Amino acid sequence: CEDCGKSLIGECKLHGPLIRAKDRVIPSRARLTLPHYLTLRVLELRAGNQQILGVFAKKGIQKRTQFGPYVGQLSTKLTCYDESRLVLQVLKDGGKYFLDTPNEDCGNWMMFVRLARNQEEQTLVAYQHCGEVYFTTVKPIEPHTELKVWYAADYAKFMETSSVFIKEESDVSPLPPVEKEPVDPWICSSCGSTFATFALLESHQCIHKDRV
């Protein structure tokens, strides 16, 4: 204690305990690498405060946008397995290694991307290039859409699995679908028939022109 000049095992009985100042909590390495137009959302909170996370787009992302490389530790055995994430391997110096991410401080944000349960919800494809794994968008991604990944055809062969993946619904509840606003039908001025798209209306009007 600097006030009474004594070395004490516990608190000073005369001057009381010290005022503890806590360090500022900083995000993990993986969270700090997240691009500014992506965000993490907590989808579920399990026992022991275990968070089930998903990566979502904050704005539209073009098709053929490449992310990566995936950052992980090379390992001959997989020490961290999560059934909602892809198992990734690479070929290095003639050997086949797992890209292991036991914690958020030894990986990047790509470790949070969940696997696609079917082709409809797949937005990313995973593949190996020059000993690294990259993710590339296979379709335009709308804002508020979750990024989900599955193997490219050649990489699926390397991983000895199928390039098409369909899984039963998991315990994680999907986000409610965004309701689309009703679209006014296209109406033919000649006969009053209605059509869902302008292309159908235009094709229909050609019939009237042929009759004339």
Protein backbone atom coordinates (compact mmCIF):
# COMPACT_ATOMS: atom_id res chain seq x y z
CA CYS A 1 0.00 0.00 0.00
CA GLU A 2 1.51 3.32 -1.09
CA ASP A 3 -0.36 5.21 1.64
CA CYS A 4 0.99 3.30 4.64
CA GLY A 5 4.12 1.88 2.96
CA LYS A 6 3.37 -1.75 3.82
CA SER A 7 3.58 -4.88 1.65
CA LEU A 8 0.37 -6.80 2.20
CA ILE A 9 -0.87 -10.20 1.00
CA GLY A 10 -4.45 -8.95 0.62
CA GLU A 11 -6.26 -5.65 0.94
CA CYS A 12 -5.00 -2.91 3.22
CA LYS A 13 -7.20 -2.96 6.34
CA LEU A 14 -6.56 0.74 6.92
CA HIS A 15 -7.00 2.20 3.41
CA GLY A 16 -9.16 -0.50 1.81
CA PRO A 17 -8.98 -2.12 -1.65
CA LEU A 18 -7.53 -0.56 -4.79
CA ILE A 19 -9.82 0.79 -7.49
CA ARG A 20 -9.47 -1.65 -10.36
CA ALA A 21 -9.44 -0.28 -13.92
CA LYS A 22 -10.29 -2.88 -16.58
CA ASP A 23 -8.66 -3.00 -20.00
CA ARG A 24 -10.83 -2.10 -22.95
CA VAL A 25 -12.31 -5.20 -24.60
CA ILE A 26 -11.14 -5.47 -28.22
CA PRO A 27 -12.61 -7.72 -30.93
CA SER A 28 -10.80 -10.90 -31.91
CA ARG A 29 -8.54 -11.06 -34.96
CA ALA A 30 -11.26 -12.80 -36.95
CA ARG A 31 -13.85 -10.10 -36.19
CA LEU A 32 -11.43 -7.29 -37.00
CA THR A 33 -10.89 -8.69 -40.51
CA LEU A 34 -14.60 -8.48 -41.41
CA PRO A 35 -15.10 -6.22 -44.50
CA HIS A 36 -17.06 -3.04 -43.80
CA TYR A 37 -20.01 -4.12 -45.93
CA LEU A 38 -20.48 -7.38 -43.97
CA THR A 39 -21.76 -7.85 -40.45
CA LEU A 40 -22.02 -10.65 -37.88
CA ARG A 41 -25.40 -11.55 -36.41
CA VAL A 42 -26.12 -13.80 -33.44
CA LEU A 43 -28.58 -16.44 -34.65
CA GLU A 44 -28.77 -18.45 -31.46
CA LEU A 45 -27.37 -18.41 -27.92
CA ARG A 46 -26.61 -21.85 -26.54
CA ALA A 47 -25.54 -23.10 -23.12
CA GLY A 48 -22.39 -21.51 -21.74
CA ASN A 49 -23.01 -18.31 -23.75
CA GLN A 50 -21.97 -20.09 -26.96
CA GLN A 51 -23.05 -17.88 -29.85
CA ILE A 52 -24.14 -19.27 -33.20
CA LEU A 53 -23.09 -16.55 -35.66
CA GLY A 54 -23.85 -15.84 -39.29
CA VAL A 55 -22.27 -13.44 -41.81
CA PHE A 56 -24.74 -11.07 -43.49
CA ALA A 57 -24.43 -8.51 -46.27
CA LYS A 58 -25.02 -4.88 -45.30
CA LYS A 59 -25.27 -3.84 -48.96
CA GLY A 60 -25.56 -5.53 -52.34
CA ILE A 61 -22.58 -7.65 -53.43
CA GLN A 62 -21.91 -8.47 -57.09
CA LYS A 63 -21.62 -11.96 -58.52
CA ARG A 64 -17.99 -13.20 -58.96
CA THR A 65 -16.76 -11.27 -55.90
CA GLN A 66 -13.80 -13.14 -54.39
CA PHE A 67 -13.03 -13.33 -50.65
CA GLY A 68 -9.90 -14.74 -49.11
CA PRO A 69 -7.68 -16.43 -48.64
CA TYR A 70 -9.12 -18.33 -45.68
CA VAL A 71 -6.82 -17.96 -42.67
CA GLY A 72 -6.28 -20.98 -40.44
CA GLN A 73 -3.61 -23.19 -38.93
CA LEU A 74 -2.30 -26.09 -41.00
CA SER A 75 -2.90 -29.33 -39.13
CA THR A 76 -2.82 -33.05 -39.90
CA LYS A 77 -5.80 -33.51 -37.55
CA LEU A 78 -8.93 -31.41 -37.19
CA THR A 79 -9.07 -30.15 -33.58
CA CYS A 80 -12.07 -27.85 -33.99
CA TYR A 81 -15.18 -29.26 -35.67
CA ASP A 82 -18.46 -27.38 -36.12
CA GLU A 83 -21.23 -29.09 -38.08
CA SER A 84 -22.49 -25.71 -39.33
CA ARG A 85 -19.11 -24.82 -40.95
CA LEU A 86 -17.22 -26.30 -43.87
CA VAL A 87 -14.29 -28.62 -43.27
CA LEU A 88 -11.43 -27.26 -45.39
CA GLN A 89 -8.21 -28.89 -46.55
CA VAL A 90 -5.32 -27.76 -48.74
CA LEU A 91 -2.46 -29.40 -50.59
CA LYS A 92 0.91 -28.11 -49.36
CA ASP A 93 4.32 -29.54 -50.29
CA GLY A 94 2.73 -32.79 -51.43
CA GLY A 95 0.79 -33.23 -48.17
CA LYS A 96 -2.91 -32.77 -47.40
CA TYR A 97 -3.60 -30.53 -44.40
CA PHE A 98 -6.66 -29.24 -42.59
CA LEU A 99 -7.23 -25.50 -42.26
CA ASP A 100 -7.95 -25.53 -38.54
CA THR A 101 -9.40 -22.56 -36.60
CA PRO A 102 -9.52 -23.52 -32.91
CA ASN A 103 -10.22 -19.92 -31.86
CA GLU A 104 -10.97 -16.49 -33.31
CA ASP A 105 -7.42 -15.21 -32.81
CA CYS A 106 -5.86 -17.59 -35.36
CA GLY A 107 -8.37 -17.15 -38.21
CA ASN A 108 -10.19 -14.50 -40.21
CA TRP A 109 -13.87 -13.65 -40.65
CA MET A 110 -14.38 -16.46 -43.17
CA MET A 111 -14.45 -18.93 -40.27
CA PHE A 112 -17.92 -17.57 -39.39
CA VAL A 113 -19.50 -18.35 -42.78
CA ARG A 114 -22.00 -21.18 -42.39
CA LEU A 115 -22.44 -24.00 -44.88
CA ALA A 116 -25.36 -23.99 -47.30
CA ARG A 117 -28.03 -26.63 -46.69
CA ASN A 118 -29.11 -26.63 -50.33
CA GLN A 119 -28.37 -24.93 -53.65
CA GLU A 120 -31.13 -22.37 -53.20
CA GLU A 121 -29.53 -20.72 -50.17
CA GLN A 122 -25.92 -21.11 -51.39
CA THR A 123 -24.32 -17.74 -52.18
CA LEU A 124 -20.63 -18.69 -52.09
CA VAL A 125 -18.46 -21.44 -53.55
CA ALA A 126 -15.24 -22.61 -51.85
CA TYR A 127 -12.23 -23.67 -53.92
CA GLN A 128 -8.47 -24.15 -53.65
CA HIS A 129 -5.97 -22.03 -55.57
CA CYS A 130 -2.19 -22.10 -55.10
CA GLY A 131 -2.47 -23.82 -51.75
CA GLU A 132 -5.06 -21.34 -50.41
CA VAL A 133 -8.85 -21.52 -50.07
CA TYR A 134 -11.05 -18.72 -51.41
CA PHE A 135 -14.78 -18.03 -51.40
CA THR A 136 -16.45 -16.48 -54.47
CA THR A 137 -20.05 -15.34 -54.86
CA VAL A 138 -22.09 -17.45 -57.29
CA LYS A 139 -24.99 -14.99 -57.50
CA PRO A 140 -25.70 -11.34 -56.65
CA ILE A 141 -26.24 -11.03 -52.90
CA GLU A 142 -28.98 -8.72 -51.70
CA PRO A 143 -28.65 -6.65 -48.50
CA HIS A 144 -29.56 -8.50 -45.27
CA THR A 145 -28.84 -11.87 -46.95
CA GLU A 146 -26.68 -14.42 -45.13
CA LEU A 147 -23.54 -15.60 -46.89
CA LYS A 148 -23.53 -19.41 -47.10
CA VAL A 149 -20.94 -21.60 -48.79
CA TRP A 150 -20.40 -25.06 -50.30
CA TYR A 151 -17.59 -26.72 -52.24
CA ALA A 152 -16.88 -26.09 -55.93
CA ALA A 153 -17.04 -29.23 -58.10
CA ASP A 154 -13.26 -29.83 -58.32
CA TYR A 155 -12.74 -28.98 -54.66
CA ALA A 156 -15.56 -31.36 -53.68
CA LYS A 157 -13.62 -34.18 -55.41
CA PHE A 158 -10.48 -33.16 -53.51
CA MET A 159 -12.51 -33.21 -50.26
CA GLU A 160 -14.05 -36.55 -51.31
CA THR A 161 -17.61 -35.29 -51.01
CA SER A 162 -20.50 -34.24 -53.25
CA SER A 163 -20.59 -30.92 -55.07
CA VAL A 164 -24.33 -30.71 -54.30
CA PHE A 165 -25.31 -30.65 -50.66
CA ILE A 166 -28.76 -31.01 -49.15
CA LYS A 167 -29.07 -31.19 -45.37
CA GLU A 168 -32.06 -31.55 -43.10
CA GLU A 169 -33.20 -28.41 -41.33
CA SER A 170 -30.95 -27.67 -38.35
CA ASP A 171 -31.98 -26.51 -34.90
CA VAL A 172 -31.04 -22.96 -35.83
CA SER A 173 -34.19 -21.18 -36.89
CA PRO A 174 -33.82 -19.31 -40.19
CA LEU A 175 -34.62 -15.63 -40.30
CA PRO A 176 -38.19 -14.86 -41.36
CA PRO A 177 -38.46 -14.19 -45.11
CA VAL A 178 -38.83 -10.59 -46.20
CA GLU A 179 -42.29 -10.03 -47.61
CA LYS A 180 -42.23 -8.64 -51.12
CA GLU A 181 -44.55 -5.83 -52.02
CA PRO A 182 -47.31 -6.81 -54.47
CA VAL A 183 -46.55 -5.84 -58.06
CA ASP A 184 -49.27 -4.23 -60.19
CA PRO A 185 -50.16 -6.44 -63.19
CA TRP A 186 -49.59 -5.32 -66.77
CA ILE A 187 -52.96 -4.78 -68.51
CA CYS A 188 -53.60 -5.10 -72.24
CA SER A 189 -55.36 -1.96 -73.53
CA SER A 190 -57.01 -3.93 -76.35
CA CYS A 191 -58.70 -6.79 -74.50
CA GLY A 192 -58.12 -6.07 -70.80
CA SER A 193 -56.09 -9.24 -70.10
CA THR A 194 -53.55 -9.01 -67.25
CA PHE A 195 -49.94 -10.23 -67.25
CA ALA A 196 -47.28 -10.60 -64.54
CA THR A 197 -44.45 -9.11 -66.61
CA PHE A 198 -44.09 -6.57 -69.40
CA ALA A 199 -42.44 -9.21 -71.60
CA LEU A 200 -45.59 -11.36 -71.46
CA LEU A 201 -47.77 -8.34 -72.26
CA GLU A 202 -45.54 -7.40 -75.20
CA SER A 203 -45.74 -10.94 -76.55
CA HIS A 204 -49.51 -10.92 -76.17
CA GLN A 205 -49.85 -7.60 -78.01
CA CYS A 206 -48.05 -9.10 -80.99
CA ILE A 207 -51.08 -11.37 -81.43
CA HIS A 208 -53.35 -8.32 -81.77
CA LYS A 209 -50.98 -6.79 -84.35
CA ASP A 210 -50.96 -10.04 -86.37
CA ARG A 211 -54.76 -10.10 -86.40
CA VAL A 212 -54.88 -6.50 -87.65
